[in-house]
Amino acid sequence: MFHISFADNSDNANYPKEKRPLMGVELSEYLADKCNFSQHFPKESKQNLQRVAMCYEIDRGRNELIEEVKKNCVTPDRSEDRSVDMAPSFAEAFFARRREFRLRRMAD
């Protein structure tokens, strides 16, 4: 099962950086280092995730790329680490946007 965790920068957020999955730039730089991206493309940025992923796939294969992304981006169930303070605000915002979208569609 996949779990998506949302963290904010408030004092109530209880999701330390060492437990978070890698974010876009972090993942890109991590993969770039593993596939020697800078040697293959010295003028390209290691922050271009699409290009880095392509290099990694060519260098090490699609299956290894998939496994590396899963290892670094898919988090196990950490229900005990979730902050109760974050859940209502996210859920409320999500459902408010959904309701607004449906109302706009009905008005058209």
N, C-alpha and C. Protein backbone atom coordinates (compact mmCIF):
# COMPACT_ATOMS: atom_id res chain seq x y z
N MET A 1 0.84 -1.17 0.00
CA MET A 1 0.00 0.00 0.00
C MET A 1 0.88 1.24 0.00
N PHE A 2 0.51 2.25 -0.78
CA PHE A 2 1.25 3.50 -0.86
C PHE A 2 0.62 4.52 0.06
N HIS A 3 1.46 5.31 0.67
CA HIS A 3 0.98 6.38 1.55
C HIS A 3 1.63 7.68 1.12
N ILE A 4 0.82 8.70 0.93
CA ILE A 4 1.33 10.01 0.58
C ILE A 4 1.26 10.87 1.83
N SER A 5 2.37 11.47 2.16
CA SER A 5 2.42 12.30 3.35
C SER A 5 2.61 13.75 2.96
N PHE A 6 1.86 14.60 3.58
CA PHE A 6 1.95 16.02 3.33
C PHE A 6 2.53 16.68 4.56
N ALA A 7 3.55 17.46 4.37
CA ALA A 7 4.17 18.16 5.49
C ALA A 7 4.16 19.65 5.21
N ASP A 8 4.03 20.42 6.23
CA ASP A 8 4.14 21.86 6.07
C ASP A 8 5.30 22.33 6.94
N ASN A 9 5.56 23.62 6.92
CA ASN A 9 6.69 24.15 7.66
C ASN A 9 6.29 24.70 9.02
N SER A 10 5.09 24.48 9.44
CA SER A 10 4.64 25.00 10.72
C SER A 10 5.25 24.21 11.87
N ASP A 11 5.14 24.76 13.06
CA ASP A 11 5.66 24.08 14.24
C ASP A 11 4.87 22.82 14.56
N ASN A 12 3.65 22.70 14.03
CA ASN A 12 2.81 21.54 14.31
C ASN A 12 3.18 20.33 13.46
N ALA A 13 3.92 20.56 12.37
CA ALA A 13 4.26 19.45 11.47
C ALA A 13 5.23 18.51 12.19
N ASN A 14 4.87 17.24 12.20
CA ASN A 14 5.69 16.25 12.90
C ASN A 14 6.16 15.21 11.89
N TYR A 15 6.94 15.65 10.92
CA TYR A 15 7.43 14.75 9.88
C TYR A 15 8.87 15.13 9.57
N PRO A 16 9.80 14.63 10.38
CA PRO A 16 11.19 15.05 10.24
C PRO A 16 11.78 14.72 8.87
N LYS A 17 12.72 15.56 8.45
CA LYS A 17 13.33 15.42 7.12
C LYS A 17 13.91 14.03 6.89
N GLU A 18 14.53 13.45 7.91
CA GLU A 18 15.15 12.13 7.74
C GLU A 18 14.13 11.02 7.50
N LYS A 19 12.85 11.26 7.78
CA LYS A 19 11.82 10.25 7.53
C LYS A 19 11.03 10.53 6.26
N ARG A 20 11.22 11.71 5.67
CA ARG A 20 10.50 12.07 4.45
C ARG A 20 11.10 11.36 3.24
N PRO A 21 10.28 11.03 2.26
CA PRO A 21 10.84 10.53 1.00
C PRO A 21 11.58 11.66 0.29
N LEU A 22 12.45 11.31 -0.63
CA LEU A 22 13.17 12.33 -1.39
C LEU A 22 12.20 13.15 -2.22
N MET A 23 12.41 14.46 -2.27
CA MET A 23 11.60 15.34 -3.09
C MET A 23 12.24 15.42 -4.49
N GLY A 24 11.64 16.11 -5.42
CA GLY A 24 12.07 16.13 -6.82
C GLY A 24 13.54 16.41 -7.05
N VAL A 25 14.05 17.54 -6.56
CA VAL A 25 15.44 17.89 -6.79
C VAL A 25 16.36 16.93 -6.04
N GLU A 26 15.99 16.57 -4.82
CA GLU A 26 16.80 15.63 -4.05
C GLU A 26 16.90 14.28 -4.77
N LEU A 27 15.78 13.81 -5.28
CA LEU A 27 15.77 12.54 -6.01
C LEU A 27 16.62 12.63 -7.26
N SER A 28 16.47 13.73 -7.99
CA SER A 28 17.22 13.91 -9.22
C SER A 28 18.72 13.90 -8.96
N GLU A 29 19.16 14.63 -7.95
CA GLU A 29 20.59 14.68 -7.63
C GLU A 29 21.10 13.33 -7.13
N TYR A 30 20.29 12.64 -6.36
CA TYR A 30 20.66 11.31 -5.86
C TYR A 30 20.86 10.33 -7.02
N LEU A 31 19.89 10.29 -7.94
CA LEU A 31 19.98 9.39 -9.09
C LEU A 31 21.15 9.78 -9.99
N ALA A 32 21.36 11.09 -10.16
CA ALA A 32 22.46 11.57 -11.00
C ALA A 32 23.80 11.09 -10.48
N ASP A 33 23.97 11.13 -9.18
CA ASP A 33 25.23 10.67 -8.59
C ASP A 33 25.42 9.17 -8.79
N LYS A 34 24.34 8.40 -8.75
CA LYS A 34 24.43 6.95 -8.88
C LYS A 34 24.72 6.49 -10.31
N CYS A 35 24.36 7.31 -11.30
CA CYS A 35 24.57 6.90 -12.70
C CYS A 35 25.65 7.73 -13.39
N ASN A 36 26.42 8.49 -12.60
CA ASN A 36 27.51 9.32 -13.16
C ASN A 36 27.01 10.27 -14.24
N PHE A 37 25.87 10.87 -13.97
CA PHE A 37 25.24 11.79 -14.92
C PHE A 37 26.19 12.89 -15.37
N SER A 38 26.92 13.47 -14.43
CA SER A 38 27.81 14.60 -14.75
C SER A 38 28.93 14.21 -15.70
N GLN A 39 29.35 12.96 -15.66
CA GLN A 39 30.37 12.50 -16.61
C GLN A 39 29.79 12.34 -18.01
N HIS A 40 28.55 11.84 -18.07
CA HIS A 40 27.89 11.66 -19.36
C HIS A 40 27.46 13.00 -19.97
N PHE A 41 26.97 13.90 -19.12
CA PHE A 41 26.43 15.19 -19.57
C PHE A 41 26.99 16.32 -18.70
N PRO A 42 28.25 16.69 -18.89
CA PRO A 42 28.89 17.66 -18.01
C PRO A 42 28.26 19.06 -18.03
N LYS A 43 27.56 19.41 -19.08
CA LYS A 43 26.97 20.75 -19.17
C LYS A 43 25.51 20.80 -18.70
N GLU A 44 24.95 19.64 -18.39
CA GLU A 44 23.54 19.56 -17.99
C GLU A 44 23.39 19.64 -16.47
N SER A 45 22.26 20.12 -16.03
CA SER A 45 21.96 20.22 -14.60
C SER A 45 21.53 18.87 -14.03
N LYS A 46 22.06 18.54 -12.86
CA LYS A 46 21.66 17.31 -12.17
C LYS A 46 20.26 17.44 -11.59
N GLN A 47 19.66 18.61 -11.68
CA GLN A 47 18.32 18.83 -11.13
C GLN A 47 17.21 18.57 -12.14
N ASN A 48 17.56 18.21 -13.37
CA ASN A 48 16.58 17.90 -14.41
C ASN A 48 16.19 16.43 -14.27
N LEU A 49 15.16 16.16 -13.48
CA LEU A 49 14.78 14.79 -13.15
C LEU A 49 14.46 13.95 -14.38
N GLN A 50 13.82 14.52 -15.36
CA GLN A 50 13.47 13.75 -16.56
C GLN A 50 14.73 13.27 -17.29
N ARG A 51 15.69 14.16 -17.45
CA ARG A 51 16.93 13.81 -18.15
C ARG A 51 17.77 12.84 -17.31
N VAL A 52 17.82 13.08 -16.00
CA VAL A 52 18.58 12.20 -15.10
C VAL A 52 17.97 10.79 -15.11
N ALA A 53 16.65 10.71 -15.05
CA ALA A 53 15.99 9.40 -15.06
C ALA A 53 16.27 8.66 -16.36
N MET A 54 16.28 9.38 -17.47
CA MET A 54 16.60 8.75 -18.75
C MET A 54 18.04 8.21 -18.72
N CYS A 55 18.98 9.00 -18.22
CA CYS A 55 20.38 8.57 -18.13
C CYS A 55 20.49 7.33 -17.23
N TYR A 56 19.81 7.36 -16.09
CA TYR A 56 19.85 6.24 -15.16
C TYR A 56 19.30 4.97 -15.81
N GLU A 57 18.19 5.13 -16.53
CA GLU A 57 17.57 3.99 -17.19
C GLU A 57 18.49 3.40 -18.26
N ILE A 58 19.15 4.25 -19.04
CA ILE A 58 20.08 3.77 -20.07
C ILE A 58 21.28 3.09 -19.42
N ASP A 59 21.78 3.70 -18.34
CA ASP A 59 22.98 3.20 -17.68
C ASP A 59 22.74 1.91 -16.90
N ARG A 60 21.59 1.82 -16.21
CA ARG A 60 21.37 0.70 -15.29
C ARG A 60 20.13 -0.14 -15.58
N GLY A 61 19.27 0.35 -16.46
CA GLY A 61 18.07 -0.41 -16.82
C GLY A 61 16.82 0.11 -16.14
N ARG A 62 15.69 -0.12 -16.80
CA ARG A 62 14.40 0.37 -16.32
C ARG A 62 14.02 -0.21 -14.97
N ASN A 63 14.21 -1.52 -14.81
CA ASN A 63 13.82 -2.16 -13.55
C ASN A 63 14.59 -1.59 -12.36
N GLU A 64 15.89 -1.34 -12.55
CA GLU A 64 16.68 -0.78 -11.45
C GLU A 64 16.25 0.65 -11.15
N LEU A 65 15.89 1.41 -12.18
CA LEU A 65 15.37 2.77 -11.97
C LEU A 65 14.09 2.72 -11.14
N ILE A 66 13.19 1.85 -11.52
CA ILE A 66 11.92 1.71 -10.81
C ILE A 66 12.16 1.33 -9.35
N GLU A 67 13.03 0.37 -9.12
CA GLU A 67 13.31 -0.07 -7.75
C GLU A 67 13.94 1.06 -6.93
N GLU A 68 14.82 1.82 -7.53
CA GLU A 68 15.48 2.93 -6.82
C GLU A 68 14.47 4.01 -6.46
N VAL A 69 13.58 4.32 -7.38
CA VAL A 69 12.54 5.33 -7.10
C VAL A 69 11.60 4.83 -6.01
N LYS A 70 11.20 3.58 -6.09
CA LYS A 70 10.32 3.02 -5.05
C LYS A 70 11.01 3.04 -3.69
N LYS A 71 12.28 2.68 -3.66
CA LYS A 71 13.02 2.64 -2.41
C LYS A 71 13.12 4.03 -1.77
N ASN A 72 13.23 5.06 -2.59
CA ASN A 72 13.46 6.40 -2.07
C ASN A 72 12.22 7.29 -2.02
N CYS A 73 11.13 6.88 -2.64
CA CYS A 73 9.96 7.75 -2.72
C CYS A 73 8.69 7.18 -2.10
N VAL A 74 8.57 5.89 -2.05
CA VAL A 74 7.38 5.27 -1.49
C VAL A 74 7.65 5.00 -0.02
N THR A 75 6.84 5.59 0.82
CA THR A 75 7.07 5.44 2.26
C THR A 75 6.20 4.33 2.82
N PRO A 76 6.72 3.62 3.80
CA PRO A 76 5.89 2.61 4.47
C PRO A 76 4.83 3.31 5.32
N ASP A 77 3.89 2.54 5.81
CA ASP A 77 2.85 3.10 6.67
C ASP A 77 3.50 3.61 7.95
N ARG A 78 3.38 4.90 8.18
CA ARG A 78 3.90 5.50 9.40
C ARG A 78 2.78 6.24 10.11
N SER A 79 1.70 5.56 10.33
CA SER A 79 0.53 6.19 10.94
C SER A 79 0.87 6.87 12.24
N GLU A 80 1.77 6.26 13.01
CA GLU A 80 2.11 6.83 14.31
C GLU A 80 2.88 8.14 14.19
N ASP A 81 3.48 8.41 13.04
CA ASP A 81 4.25 9.64 12.85
C ASP A 81 3.42 10.79 12.30
N ARG A 82 2.21 10.52 11.89
CA ARG A 82 1.39 11.58 11.30
C ARG A 82 0.95 12.59 12.34
N SER A 83 0.90 13.82 11.93
CA SER A 83 0.47 14.89 12.82
C SER A 83 -1.04 15.09 12.67
N VAL A 84 -1.74 14.97 13.75
CA VAL A 84 -3.18 15.17 13.74
C VAL A 84 -3.53 16.59 13.33
N ASP A 85 -2.65 17.53 13.64
CA ASP A 85 -2.90 18.94 13.32
C ASP A 85 -2.91 19.21 11.83
N MET A 86 -2.22 18.36 11.04
CA MET A 86 -2.14 18.61 9.60
C MET A 86 -3.34 18.03 8.86
N ALA A 87 -3.88 16.94 9.29
CA ALA A 87 -4.92 16.24 8.54
C ALA A 87 -6.16 17.08 8.25
N PRO A 88 -6.77 17.71 9.25
CA PRO A 88 -8.00 18.45 8.95
C PRO A 88 -7.81 19.56 7.93
N SER A 89 -6.72 20.31 8.03
CA SER A 89 -6.55 21.42 7.10
C SER A 89 -6.38 20.91 5.67
N PHE A 90 -5.64 19.83 5.48
CA PHE A 90 -5.48 19.28 4.14
C PHE A 90 -6.81 18.75 3.62
N ALA A 91 -7.49 17.95 4.44
CA ALA A 91 -8.76 17.36 4.02
C ALA A 91 -9.79 18.44 3.69
N GLU A 92 -9.87 19.46 4.54
CA GLU A 92 -10.82 20.54 4.29
C GLU A 92 -10.51 21.25 2.97
N ALA A 93 -9.24 21.54 2.73
CA ALA A 93 -8.85 22.21 1.49
C ALA A 93 -9.15 21.33 0.28
N PHE A 94 -8.87 20.04 0.38
CA PHE A 94 -9.12 19.12 -0.72
C PHE A 94 -10.60 19.09 -1.08
N PHE A 95 -11.45 18.91 -0.07
CA PHE A 95 -12.87 18.80 -0.35
C PHE A 95 -13.48 20.14 -0.76
N ALA A 96 -12.93 21.22 -0.26
CA ALA A 96 -13.41 22.55 -0.70
C ALA A 96 -13.11 22.75 -2.18
N ARG A 97 -11.90 22.38 -2.61
CA ARG A 97 -11.56 22.50 -4.03
C ARG A 97 -12.43 21.59 -4.88
N ARG A 98 -12.68 20.40 -4.40
CA ARG A 98 -13.51 19.45 -5.15
C ARG A 98 -14.94 19.98 -5.29
N ARG A 99 -15.48 20.51 -4.21
CA ARG A 99 -16.83 21.06 -4.23
C ARG A 99 -16.89 22.26 -5.18
N GLU A 100 -15.87 23.13 -5.13
CA GLU A 100 -15.82 24.30 -6.01
C GLU A 100 -15.76 23.87 -7.47
N PHE A 101 -14.99 22.85 -7.78
CA PHE A 101 -14.87 22.34 -9.13
C PHE A 101 -16.22 21.82 -9.63
N ARG A 102 -16.91 21.05 -8.78
CA ARG A 102 -18.22 20.51 -9.18
C ARG A 102 -19.23 21.64 -9.40
N LEU A 103 -19.21 22.65 -8.55
CA LEU A 103 -20.15 23.77 -8.72
C LEU A 103 -19.88 24.52 -10.02
N ARG A 104 -18.60 24.69 -10.36
CA ARG A 104 -18.27 25.36 -11.62
C ARG A 104 -18.74 24.55 -12.81
N ARG A 105 -18.59 23.24 -12.75
CA ARG A 105 -19.03 22.38 -13.85
C ARG A 105 -20.54 22.44 -14.00
N MET A 106 -21.25 22.52 -12.89
CA MET A 106 -22.72 22.59 -12.94
C MET A 106 -23.18 23.92 -13.53
N ALA A 107 -22.41 24.98 -13.29
CA ALA A 107 -22.77 26.31 -13.77
C ALA A 107 -22.55 26.44 -15.28
N ASP A 108 -21.66 25.65 -15.82
CA ASP A 108 -21.34 25.75 -17.28
C ASP A 108 -22.39 25.14 -18.12
